[in-house]
C-alpha cells in the first residue's frame, strides 16, 4: 500500500512530499508488525530528507519522538511524528482513530519493554 508522507525539516520554510509503501495491507487490516513498519518508514523518510546518504536499512528505534493520530478534514486519519530533526505526517488512512491510536500505543510500549530490559 502506498501513501503520502509530508516532511518538514527544522530550519526549512517549506515542506516536501513523497510516497512510501512499507506495508502491503490496507490500514484496517494492519498487524502490529505493519504498524512498526509504517512508523519506521516514516522515520527513515524524515532521516533521508535531512541526510540523503543514510543507508535505507539503518536500524530504527521507536523512541525519542512525539506522535499523534488525528482526524483528517477530508476523511480518515493521519499519523504525525515530531522529532528534534523535524516532523513527518502520513496518510490519510481509512481506519478508526481509536484503533490506530491503540495499535501505535501497543507497539511503542512493546518497543520500550524490549529496549529497557537489563541483561
C-alpha atoms as a PDB file:
ATOM      1  CA  UNK A   1       0.000   0.000   0.000  1.00  0.00           C
ATOM      2  CA  UNK A   2       1.343   3.397  -0.985  1.00  0.00           C
ATOM      3  CA  UNK A   3       0.672   6.565   0.978  1.00  0.00           C
ATOM      4  CA  UNK A   4       1.832  10.156   1.020  1.00  0.00           C
ATOM      5  CA  UNK A   5       4.298  11.428   3.601  1.00  0.00           C
ATOM      6  CA  UNK A   6       4.737  15.166   4.248  1.00  0.00           C
ATOM      7  CA  UNK A   7       8.135  16.156   5.680  1.00  0.00           C
ATOM      8  CA  UNK A   8       9.099  19.374   7.478  1.00  0.00           C
ATOM      9  CA  UNK A   9      12.738  19.725   8.485  1.00  0.00           C
ATOM     10  CA  UNK A  10      13.566  22.143  11.287  1.00  0.00           C
ATOM     11  CA  UNK A  11      15.040  25.312   9.854  1.00  0.00           C
ATOM     12  CA  UNK A  12      13.314  24.915   6.476  1.00  0.00           C
ATOM     13  CA  UNK A  13      10.397  27.119   5.477  1.00  0.00           C
ATOM     14  CA  UNK A  14       8.791  24.559   3.201  1.00  0.00           C
ATOM     15  CA  UNK A  15       7.529  21.001   3.284  1.00  0.00           C
ATOM     16  CA  UNK A  16       8.230  18.214   0.845  1.00  0.00           C
ATOM     17  CA  UNK A  17       6.062  15.254  -0.094  1.00  0.00           C
ATOM     18  CA  UNK A  18       6.943  11.739  -1.083  1.00  0.00           C
ATOM     19  CA  UNK A  19       5.185   8.416  -1.364  1.00  0.00           C
ATOM     20  CA  UNK A  20       6.269   5.330   0.561  1.00  0.00           C
ATOM     21  CA  UNK A  21       4.989   1.747   0.613  1.00  0.00           C
ATOM     22  CA  UNK A  22       6.298  -0.024   3.737  1.00  0.00           C
ATOM     23  CA  UNK A  23       3.342  -2.459   4.016  1.00  0.00           C
ATOM     24  CA  UNK A  24       1.116  -4.408   1.651  1.00  0.00           C
ATOM     25  CA  UNK A  25      -2.116  -4.470   3.688  1.00  0.00           C
ATOM     26  CA  UNK A  26      -4.762  -1.772   3.916  1.00  0.00           C
ATOM     27  CA  UNK A  27      -4.865   0.103   7.284  1.00  0.00           C
ATOM     28  CA  UNK A  28      -7.935  -1.697   8.674  1.00  0.00           C
ATOM     29  CA  UNK A  29      -6.015  -4.986   8.343  1.00  0.00           C
ATOM     30  CA  UNK A  30      -2.677  -3.781   9.772  1.00  0.00           C
ATOM     31  CA  UNK A  31      -0.966  -6.051  12.259  1.00  0.00           C
ATOM     32  CA  UNK A  32       1.343  -4.687  14.953  1.00  0.00           C
ATOM     33  CA  UNK A  33       4.266  -5.579  12.665  1.00  0.00           C
ATOM     34  CA  UNK A  34       2.672  -3.454   9.925  1.00  0.00           C
ATOM     35  CA  UNK A  35       2.311  -0.516  12.325  1.00  0.00           C
ATOM     36  CA  UNK A  36       6.003  -0.835  13.227  1.00  0.00           C
ATOM     37  CA  UNK A  37       6.894  -0.881   9.514  1.00  0.00           C
ATOM     38  CA  UNK A  38       4.804   2.250   8.882  1.00  0.00           C
ATOM     39  CA  UNK A  39       6.415   4.154  11.774  1.00  0.00           C
ATOM     40  CA  UNK A  40       9.897   3.017  10.748  1.00  0.00           C
ATOM     41  CA  UNK A  41       9.179   4.005   7.145  1.00  0.00           C
ATOM     42  CA  UNK A  42       8.101   7.461   8.265  1.00  0.00           C
ATOM     43  CA  UNK A  43      11.213   7.892  10.427  1.00  0.00           C
ATOM     44  CA  UNK A  44      13.518   6.688   7.650  1.00  0.00           C
ATOM     45  CA  UNK A  45      11.914   9.089   5.187  1.00  0.00           C
ATOM     46  CA  UNK A  46      12.477  12.012   7.570  1.00  0.00           C
ATOM     47  CA  UNK A  47      16.098  10.968   8.171  1.00  0.00           C
ATOM     48  CA  UNK A  48      16.824  10.605   4.436  1.00  0.00           C
ATOM     49  CA  UNK A  49      15.305  14.045   3.767  1.00  0.00           C
ATOM     50  CA  UNK A  50      17.959  15.561   6.051  1.00  0.00           C
ATOM     51  CA  UNK A  51      20.759  13.085   5.305  1.00  0.00           C
ATOM     52  CA  UNK A  52      20.272  11.539   1.827  1.00  0.00           C
ATOM     53  CA  UNK A  53      23.370   9.388   2.238  1.00  0.00           C
ATOM     54  CA  UNK A  54      21.788   7.463   5.133  1.00  0.00           C
ATOM     55  CA  UNK A  55      21.532   3.724   4.466  1.00  0.00           C
ATOM     56  CA  UNK A  56      17.964   2.600   3.710  1.00  0.00           C
ATOM     57  CA  UNK A  57      18.289  -0.282   6.190  1.00  0.00           C
ATOM     58  CA  UNK A  58      19.720   1.740   9.075  1.00  0.00           C
ATOM     59  CA  UNK A  59      18.343   0.434  12.400  1.00  0.00           C
ATOM     60  CA  UNK A  60      15.402   2.415  13.764  1.00  0.00           C
ATOM     61  CA  UNK A  61      14.323   2.714  17.407  1.00  0.00           C
ATOM     62  CA  UNK A  62      10.734   3.658  18.164  1.00  0.00           C
ATOM     63  CA  UNK A  63      11.546   6.170  20.867  1.00  0.00           C
ATOM     64  CA  UNK A  64      12.564   9.799  21.231  1.00  0.00           C
ATOM     65  CA  UNK A  65       9.631  11.313  19.373  1.00  0.00           C
ATOM     66  CA  UNK A  66       6.099  12.522  19.966  1.00  0.00           C
ATOM     67  CA  UNK A  67       3.233  11.078  17.951  1.00  0.00           C
ATOM     68  CA  UNK A  68      -0.463  11.577  17.460  1.00  0.00           C
ATOM     69  CA  UNK A  69      -3.252  10.140  15.328  1.00  0.00           C
ATOM     70  CA  UNK A  70      -5.536  12.938  14.170  1.00  0.00           C
ATOM     71  CA  UNK A  71      -8.694  13.150  12.062  1.00  0.00           C
ATOM     72  CA  UNK A  72      -8.146  14.435   8.526  1.00  0.00           C
ATOM     73  CA  UNK A  73     -10.638  17.031   7.280  1.00  0.00           C
ATOM     74  CA  UNK A  74     -11.362  15.110   4.069  1.00  0.00           C
ATOM     75  CA  UNK A  75     -11.877  11.823   5.948  1.00  0.00           C
ATOM     76  CA  UNK A  76      -9.739   9.213   7.613  1.00  0.00           C
ATOM     77  CA  UNK A  77      -6.858   9.890   9.981  1.00  0.00           C
ATOM     78  CA  UNK A  78      -3.211  10.885   9.737  1.00  0.00           C
ATOM     79  CA  UNK A  79      -0.206   9.861  11.804  1.00  0.00           C
ATOM     80  CA  UNK A  80       2.066  12.737  12.844  1.00  0.00           C
ATOM     81  CA  UNK A  81       5.541  12.254  14.335  1.00  0.00           C
ATOM     82  CA  UNK A  82       7.656  15.076  15.745  1.00  0.00           C
ATOM     83  CA  UNK A  83      11.373  14.910  16.490  1.00  0.00           C
ATOM     84  CA  UNK A  84      14.119  17.456  17.025  1.00  0.00           C
ATOM     85  CA  UNK A  85      15.033  16.848  13.355  1.00  0.00           C
ATOM     86  CA  UNK A  86      11.564  17.858  12.155  1.00  0.00           C
ATOM     87  CA  UNK A  87       8.119  16.404  11.629  1.00  0.00           C
ATOM     88  CA  UNK A  88       6.565  13.859   9.324  1.00  0.00           C
ATOM     89  CA  UNK A  89       2.864  13.272   8.648  1.00  0.00           C
ATOM     90  CA  UNK A  90       1.459  10.267   6.794  1.00  0.00           C
ATOM     91  CA  UNK A  91      -1.985   9.497   5.485  1.00  0.00           C
ATOM     92  CA  UNK A  92      -4.868   9.827   5.404  1.00  0.00           C
ATOM     93  CA  UNK A  93      -5.750   6.286   6.369  1.00  0.00           C
ATOM     94  CA  UNK A  94      -9.214   4.732   6.367  1.00  0.00           C
ATOM     95  CA  UNK A  95      -9.200   3.326   9.882  1.00  0.00           C
ATOM     96  CA  UNK A  96     -10.897   4.477  13.102  1.00  0.00           C
ATOM     97  CA  UNK A  97      -8.744   6.868  15.116  1.00  0.00           C
ATOM     98  CA  UNK A  98      -9.110   4.864  18.332  1.00  0.00           C
ATOM     99  CA  UNK A  99      -7.963   1.631  16.634  1.00  0.00           C
ATOM    100  CA  UNK A 100      -4.829   3.170  15.131  1.00  0.00           C
ATOM    101  CA  UNK A 101      -4.048   5.018  18.364  1.00  0.00           C
ATOM    102  CA  UNK A 102      -4.362   1.730  20.301  1.00  0.00           C
ATOM    103  CA  UNK A 103      -2.102  -0.080  17.821  1.00  0.00           C
ATOM    104  CA  UNK A 104       0.610   2.588  17.977  1.00  0.00           C
ATOM    105  CA  UNK A 105       0.365   2.696  21.782  1.00  0.00           C
ATOM    106  CA  UNK A 106       0.798  -1.078  21.856  1.00  0.00           C
ATOM    107  CA  UNK A 107       3.851  -1.184  19.564  1.00  0.00           C
ATOM    108  CA  UNK A 108       5.504   1.748  21.329  1.00  0.00           C
ATOM    109  CA  UNK A 109       5.023   0.019  24.704  1.00  0.00           C
ATOM    110  CA  UNK A 110       6.461  -3.224  23.317  1.00  0.00           C
ATOM    111  CA  UNK A 111       9.469  -1.333  21.959  1.00  0.00           C
ATOM    112  CA  UNK A 112      10.064   0.328  25.349  1.00  0.00           C
ATOM    113  CA  UNK A 113       9.821  -3.015  27.129  1.00  0.00           C
ATOM    114  CA  UNK A 114      12.247  -4.641  24.685  1.00  0.00           C
ATOM    115  CA  UNK A 115      14.852  -1.873  24.943  1.00  0.00           C
ATOM    116  CA  UNK A 116      14.638  -1.334  28.687  1.00  0.00           C
ATOM    117  CA  UNK A 117      15.392  -4.937  29.649  1.00  0.00           C
ATOM    118  CA  UNK A 118      18.591  -5.411  31.623  1.00  0.00           C
ATOM    119  CA  UNK A 119      20.732  -8.334  30.508  1.00  0.00           C
END
